Amino acid sequence: MARLKVTQIKSRISEKKDQRDTLRSLGLKRIGDVVVREDNAQNRGYVRAVAHLVKVEEID
């Protein structure tokens, strides 16, 4: 199954609380943090909600 490599590229300081919470649920704490998550609808929704703060790559 495909996986998503999610990297935080921008600060969460000036963002709304729900977007900060979404970053935390993805496991991202600071700029430069990288997590690898399964490619499913839930994680795609998380990434879509904070697309302006993260960079996403699909890996096998």
PDB file of N, CA and C in Angstrom:
ATOM      1  N   MET A   1       0.840  -1.178   0.000  1.00  0.00           N
ATOM      2  CA  MET A   1       0.000   0.000   0.000  1.00  0.00           C
ATOM      3  C   MET A   1       0.886   1.243   0.000  1.00  0.00           C
ATOM      4  N   ALA A   2       0.434   2.270  -0.685  1.00  0.00           N
ATOM      5  CA  ALA A   2       1.197   3.509  -0.770  1.00  0.00           C
ATOM      6  C   ALA A   2       1.224   4.214   0.576  1.00  0.00           C
ATOM      7  N   ARG A   3       2.237   5.044   0.736  1.00  0.00           N
ATOM      8  CA  ARG A   3       2.378   5.805   1.966  1.00  0.00           C
ATOM      9  C   ARG A   3       2.668   7.252   1.621  1.00  0.00           C
ATOM     10  N   LEU A   4       2.422   8.124   2.565  1.00  0.00           N
ATOM     11  CA  LEU A   4       2.641   9.552   2.371  1.00  0.00           C
ATOM     12  C   LEU A   4       3.761  10.017   3.292  1.00  0.00           C
ATOM     13  N   LYS A   5       4.720  10.724   2.723  1.00  0.00           N
ATOM     14  CA  LYS A   5       5.780  11.352   3.510  1.00  0.00           C
ATOM     15  C   LYS A   5       5.387  12.816   3.659  1.00  0.00           C
ATOM     16  N   VAL A   6       5.088  13.245   4.879  1.00  0.00           N
ATOM     17  CA  VAL A   6       4.590  14.593   5.137  1.00  0.00           C
ATOM     18  C   VAL A   6       5.662  15.365   5.902  1.00  0.00           C
ATOM     19  N   THR A   7       6.045  16.530   5.355  1.00  0.00           N
ATOM     20  CA  THR A   7       7.061  17.377   5.956  1.00  0.00           C
ATOM     21  C   THR A   7       6.462  18.738   6.273  1.00  0.00           C
ATOM     22  N   GLN A   8       6.629  19.210   7.494  1.00  0.00           N
ATOM     23  CA  GLN A   8       6.139  20.544   7.850  1.00  0.00           C
ATOM     24  C   GLN A   8       7.141  21.568   7.337  1.00  0.00           C
ATOM     25  N   ILE A   9       6.650  22.542   6.540  1.00  0.00           N
ATOM     26  CA  ILE A   9       7.542  23.532   5.944  1.00  0.00           C
ATOM     27  C   ILE A   9       7.286  24.950   6.432  1.00  0.00           C
ATOM     28  N   LYS A  10       6.155  25.172   7.105  1.00  0.00           N
ATOM     29  CA  LYS A  10       5.840  26.503   7.621  1.00  0.00           C
ATOM     30  C   LYS A  10       5.409  26.399   9.076  1.00  0.00           C
ATOM     31  N   SER A  11       5.539  27.517   9.790  1.00  0.00           N
ATOM     32  CA  SER A  11       5.186  27.567  11.200  1.00  0.00           C
ATOM     33  C   SER A  11       3.676  27.506  11.393  1.00  0.00           C
ATOM     34  N   ARG A  12       3.268  26.964  12.525  1.00  0.00           N
ATOM     35  CA  ARG A  12       1.843  26.860  12.849  1.00  0.00           C
ATOM     36  C   ARG A  12       1.399  27.977  13.769  1.00  0.00           C
ATOM     37  N   ILE A  13       2.289  28.878  14.134  1.00  0.00           N
ATOM     38  CA  ILE A  13       1.999  29.885  15.158  1.00  0.00           C
ATOM     39  C   ILE A  13       0.794  30.750  14.818  1.00  0.00           C
ATOM     40  N   SER A  14       0.709  31.266  13.614  1.00  0.00           N
ATOM     41  CA  SER A  14      -0.369  32.206  13.286  1.00  0.00           C
ATOM     42  C   SER A  14      -1.609  31.517  12.717  1.00  0.00           C
ATOM     43  N   GLU A  15      -1.662  30.207  12.788  1.00  0.00           N
ATOM     44  CA  GLU A  15      -2.780  29.459  12.208  1.00  0.00           C
ATOM     45  C   GLU A  15      -3.901  29.266  13.222  1.00  0.00           C
ATOM     46  N   LYS A  16      -5.075  28.913  12.704  1.00  0.00           N
ATOM     47  CA  LYS A  16      -6.232  28.647  13.563  1.00  0.00           C
ATOM     48  C   LYS A  16      -6.005  27.390  14.402  1.00  0.00           C
ATOM     49  N   LYS A  17      -6.737  27.308  15.504  1.00  0.00           N
ATOM     50  CA  LYS A  17      -6.555  26.191  16.426  1.00  0.00           C
ATOM     51  C   LYS A  17      -6.812  24.840  15.766  1.00  0.00           C
ATOM     52  N   ASP A  18      -7.829  24.735  14.911  1.00  0.00           N
ATOM     53  CA  ASP A  18      -8.109  23.442  14.284  1.00  0.00           C
ATOM     54  C   ASP A  18      -6.968  23.010  13.369  1.00  0.00           C
ATOM     55  N   GLN A  19      -6.289  23.953  12.730  1.00  0.00           N
ATOM     56  CA  GLN A  19      -5.150  23.603  11.882  1.00  0.00           C
ATOM     57  C   GLN A  19      -3.947  23.195  12.727  1.00  0.00           C
ATOM     58  N   ARG A  20      -3.741  23.848  13.855  1.00  0.00           N
ATOM     59  CA  ARG A  20      -2.664  23.451  14.773  1.00  0.00           C
ATOM     60  C   ARG A  20      -2.921  22.044  15.300  1.00  0.00           C
ATOM     61  N   ASP A  21      -4.188  21.762  15.626  1.00  0.00           N
ATOM     62  CA  ASP A  21      -4.550  20.424  16.108  1.00  0.00           C
ATOM     63  C   ASP A  21      -4.342  19.363  15.033  1.00  0.00           C
ATOM     64  N   THR A  22      -4.631  19.718  13.791  1.00  0.00           N
ATOM     65  CA  THR A  22      -4.439  18.775  12.688  1.00  0.00           C
ATOM     66  C   THR A  22      -2.962  18.436  12.520  1.00  0.00           C
ATOM     67  N   LEU A  23      -2.092  19.432  12.613  1.00  0.00           N
ATOM     68  CA  LEU A  23      -0.653  19.165  12.537  1.00  0.00           C
ATOM     69  C   LEU A  23      -0.226  18.231  13.661  1.00  0.00           C
ATOM     70  N   ARG A  24      -0.747  18.458  14.854  1.00  0.00           N
ATOM     71  CA  ARG A  24      -0.406  17.612  15.989  1.00  0.00           C
ATOM     72  C   ARG A  24      -0.891  16.186  15.763  1.00  0.00           C
ATOM     73  N   SER A  25      -2.099  16.021  15.182  1.00  0.00           N
ATOM     74  CA  SER A  25      -2.594  14.658  14.930  1.00  0.00           C
ATOM     75  C   SER A  25      -1.781  13.940  13.872  1.00  0.00           C
ATOM     76  N   LEU A  26      -1.177  14.701  12.975  1.00  0.00           N
ATOM     77  CA  LEU A  26      -0.281  14.085  11.991  1.00  0.00           C
ATOM     78  C   LEU A  26       1.057  13.711  12.628  1.00  0.00           C
ATOM     79  N   GLY A  27       1.361  14.284  13.786  1.00  0.00           N
ATOM     80  CA  GLY A  27       2.620  13.980  14.461  1.00  0.00           C
ATOM     81  C   GLY A  27       3.700  15.005  14.180  1.00  0.00           C
ATOM     82  N   LEU A  28       3.313  16.170  13.673  1.00  0.00           N
ATOM     83  CA  LEU A  28       4.280  17.212  13.346  1.00  0.00           C
ATOM     84  C   LEU A  28       4.327  18.244  14.460  1.00  0.00           C
ATOM     85  N   LYS A  29       5.534  18.558  14.928  1.00  0.00           N
ATOM     86  CA  LYS A  29       5.686  19.475  16.044  1.00  0.00           C
ATOM     87  C   LYS A  29       6.408  20.754  15.662  1.00  0.00           C
ATOM     88  N   ARG A  30       7.325  20.672  14.711  1.00  0.00           N
ATOM     89  CA  ARG A  30       8.107  21.850  14.359  1.00  0.00           C
ATOM     90  C   ARG A  30       8.481  21.815  12.884  1.00  0.00           C
ATOM     91  N   ILE A  31       8.948  22.940  12.385  1.00  0.00           N
ATOM     92  CA  ILE A  31       9.355  23.028  10.987  1.00  0.00           C
ATOM     93  C   ILE A  31      10.471  22.019  10.738  1.00  0.00           C
ATOM     94  N   GLY A  32      10.354  21.277   9.648  1.00  0.00           N
ATOM     95  CA  GLY A  32      11.358  20.280   9.287  1.00  0.00           C
ATOM     96  C   GLY A  32      11.015  18.877   9.750  1.00  0.00           C
ATOM     97  N   ASP A  33      10.036  18.731  10.631  1.00  0.00           N
ATOM     98  CA  ASP A  33       9.616  17.396  11.071  1.00  0.00           C
ATOM     99  C   ASP A  33       9.041  16.618   9.892  1.00  0.00           C
ATOM    100  N   VAL A  34       9.332  15.320   9.853  1.00  0.00           N
ATOM    101  CA  VAL A  34       8.853  14.444   8.788  1.00  0.00           C
ATOM    102  C   VAL A  34       8.176  13.241   9.416  1.00  0.00           C
ATOM    103  N   VAL A  35       6.995  12.889   8.895  1.00  0.00           N
ATOM    104  CA  VAL A  35       6.310  11.674   9.318  1.00  0.00           C
ATOM    105  C   VAL A  35       5.895  10.899   8.073  1.00  0.00           C
ATOM    106  N   VAL A  36       5.816   9.594   8.216  1.00  0.00           N
ATOM    107  CA  VAL A  36       5.337   8.740   7.137  1.00  0.00           C
ATOM    108  C   VAL A  36       4.039   8.119   7.612  1.00  0.00           C
ATOM    109  N   ARG A  37       2.970   8.356   6.856  1.00  0.00           N
ATOM    110  CA  ARG A  37       1.630   7.882   7.228  1.00  0.00           C
ATOM    111  C   ARG A  37       1.070   7.039   6.089  1.00  0.00           C
ATOM    112  N   GLU A  38       0.144   6.147   6.435  1.00  0.00           N
ATOM    113  CA  GLU A  38      -0.545   5.361   5.418  1.00  0.00           C
ATOM    114  C   GLU A  38      -1.361   6.292   4.525  1.00  0.00           C
ATOM    115  N   ASP A  39      -1.495   5.925   3.264  1.00  0.00           N
ATOM    116  CA  ASP A  39      -2.289   6.723   2.323  1.00  0.00           C
ATOM    117  C   ASP A  39      -3.733   6.253   2.384  1.00  0.00           C
ATOM    118  N   ASN A  40      -4.531   6.918   3.221  1.00  0.00           N
ATOM    119  CA  ASN A  40      -5.946   6.600   3.314  1.00  0.00           C
ATOM    120  C   ASN A  40      -6.743   7.900   3.355  1.00  0.00           C
ATOM    121  N   ALA A  41      -8.050   7.786   3.350  1.00  0.00           N
ATOM    122  CA  ALA A  41      -8.916   8.968   3.267  1.00  0.00           C
ATOM    123  C   ALA A  41      -8.723   9.900   4.460  1.00  0.00           C
ATOM    124  N   GLN A  42      -8.547   9.345   5.639  1.00  0.00           N
ATOM    125  CA  GLN A  42      -8.384  10.177   6.834  1.00  0.00           C
ATOM    126  C   GLN A  42      -7.116  11.023   6.745  1.00  0.00           C
ATOM    127  N   ASN A  43      -6.002  10.402   6.408  1.00  0.00           N
ATOM    128  CA  ASN A  43      -4.749  11.143   6.324  1.00  0.00           C
ATOM    129  C   ASN A  43      -4.754  12.125   5.160  1.00  0.00           C
ATOM    130  N   ARG A  44      -5.412  11.780   4.061  1.00  0.00           N
ATOM    131  CA  ARG A  44      -5.538  12.723   2.938  1.00  0.00           C
ATOM    132  C   ARG A  44      -6.336  13.952   3.367  1.00  0.00           C
ATOM    133  N   GLY A  45      -7.353  13.755   4.176  1.00  0.00           N
ATOM    134  CA  GLY A  45      -8.132  14.877   4.682  1.00  0.00           C
ATOM    135  C   GLY A  45      -7.313  15.769   5.598  1.00  0.00           C
ATOM    136  N   TYR A  46      -6.501  15.164   6.459  1.00  0.00           N
ATOM    137  CA  TYR A  46      -5.610  15.942   7.324  1.00  0.00           C
ATOM    138  C   TYR A  46      -4.669  16.793   6.483  1.00  0.00           C
ATOM    139  N   VAL A  47      -4.068  16.171   5.483  1.00  0.00           N
ATOM    140  CA  VAL A  47      -3.106  16.881   4.635  1.00  0.00           C
ATOM    141  C   VAL A  47      -3.796  18.003   3.869  1.00  0.00           C
ATOM    142  N   ARG A  48      -4.996  17.763   3.388  1.00  0.00           N
ATOM    143  CA  ARG A  48      -5.724  18.791   2.642  1.00  0.00           C
ATOM    144  C   ARG A  48      -6.026  19.995   3.529  1.00  0.00           C
ATOM    145  N   ALA A  49      -6.309  19.752   4.803  1.00  0.00           N
ATOM    146  CA  ALA A  49      -6.650  20.833   5.729  1.00  0.00           C
ATOM    147  C   ALA A  49      -5.464  21.750   6.020  1.00  0.00           C
ATOM    148  N   VAL A  50      -4.256  21.211   5.929  1.00  0.00           N
ATOM    149  CA  VAL A  50      -3.060  22.013   6.235  1.00  0.00           C
ATOM    150  C   VAL A  50      -2.082  22.024   5.058  1.00  0.00           C
ATOM    151  N   ALA A  51      -2.620  21.959   3.855  1.00  0.00           N
ATOM    152  CA  ALA A  51      -1.784  21.860   2.652  1.00  0.00           C
ATOM    153  C   ALA A  51      -0.821  23.030   2.516  1.00  0.00           C
ATOM    154  N   HIS A  52      -1.179  24.186   3.024  1.00  0.00           N
ATOM    155  CA  HIS A  52      -0.319  25.360   2.915  1.00  0.00           C
ATOM    156  C   HIS A  52       0.838  25.333   3.919  1.00  0.00           C
ATOM    157  N   LEU A  53       0.840  24.381   4.829  1.00  0.00           N
ATOM    158  CA  LEU A  53       1.889  24.286   5.855  1.00  0.00           C
ATOM    159  C   LEU A  53       2.807  23.084   5.666  1.00  0.00           C
ATOM    160  N   VAL A  54       2.436  22.169   4.772  1.00  0.00           N
ATOM    161  CA  VAL A  54       3.191  20.923   4.630  1.00  0.00           C
ATOM    162  C   VAL A  54       3.542  20.649   3.170  1.00  0.00           C
ATOM    163  N   LYS A  55       4.546  19.774   3.007  1.00  0.00           N
ATOM    164  CA  LYS A  55       4.902  19.246   1.690  1.00  0.00           C
ATOM    165  C   LYS A  55       4.651  17.749   1.751  1.00  0.00           C
ATOM    166  N   VAL A  56       4.029  17.198   0.716  1.00  0.00           N
ATOM    167  CA  VAL A  56       3.647  15.795   0.727  1.00  0.00           C
ATOM    168  C   VAL A  56       4.260  15.081  -0.468  1.00  0.00           C
ATOM    169  N   GLU A  57       4.811  13.896  -0.203  1.00  0.00           N
ATOM    170  CA  GLU A  57       5.361  13.034  -1.253  1.00  0.00           C
ATOM    171  C   GLU A  57       4.765  11.644  -1.090  1.00  0.00           C
ATOM    172  N   GLU A  58       4.450  11.002  -2.204  1.00  0.00           N
ATOM    173  CA  GLU A  58       3.984   9.623  -2.149  1.00  0.00           C
ATOM    174  C   GLU A  58       5.187   8.708  -2.259  1.00  0.00           C
ATOM    175  N   ILE A  59       5.278   7.722  -1.366  1.00  0.00           N
ATOM    176  CA  ILE A  59       6.342   6.742  -1.430  1.00  0.00           C
ATOM    177  C   ILE A  59       5.725   5.348  -1.408  1.00  0.00           C
ATOM    178  N   ASP A  60       6.500   4.365  -1.857  1.00  0.00           N
ATOM    179  CA  ASP A  60       5.991   2.989  -1.892  1.00  0.00           C
ATOM    180  C   ASP A  60       6.285   2.241  -0.625  1.00  0.00           C
TER     181      ASP A  60
END
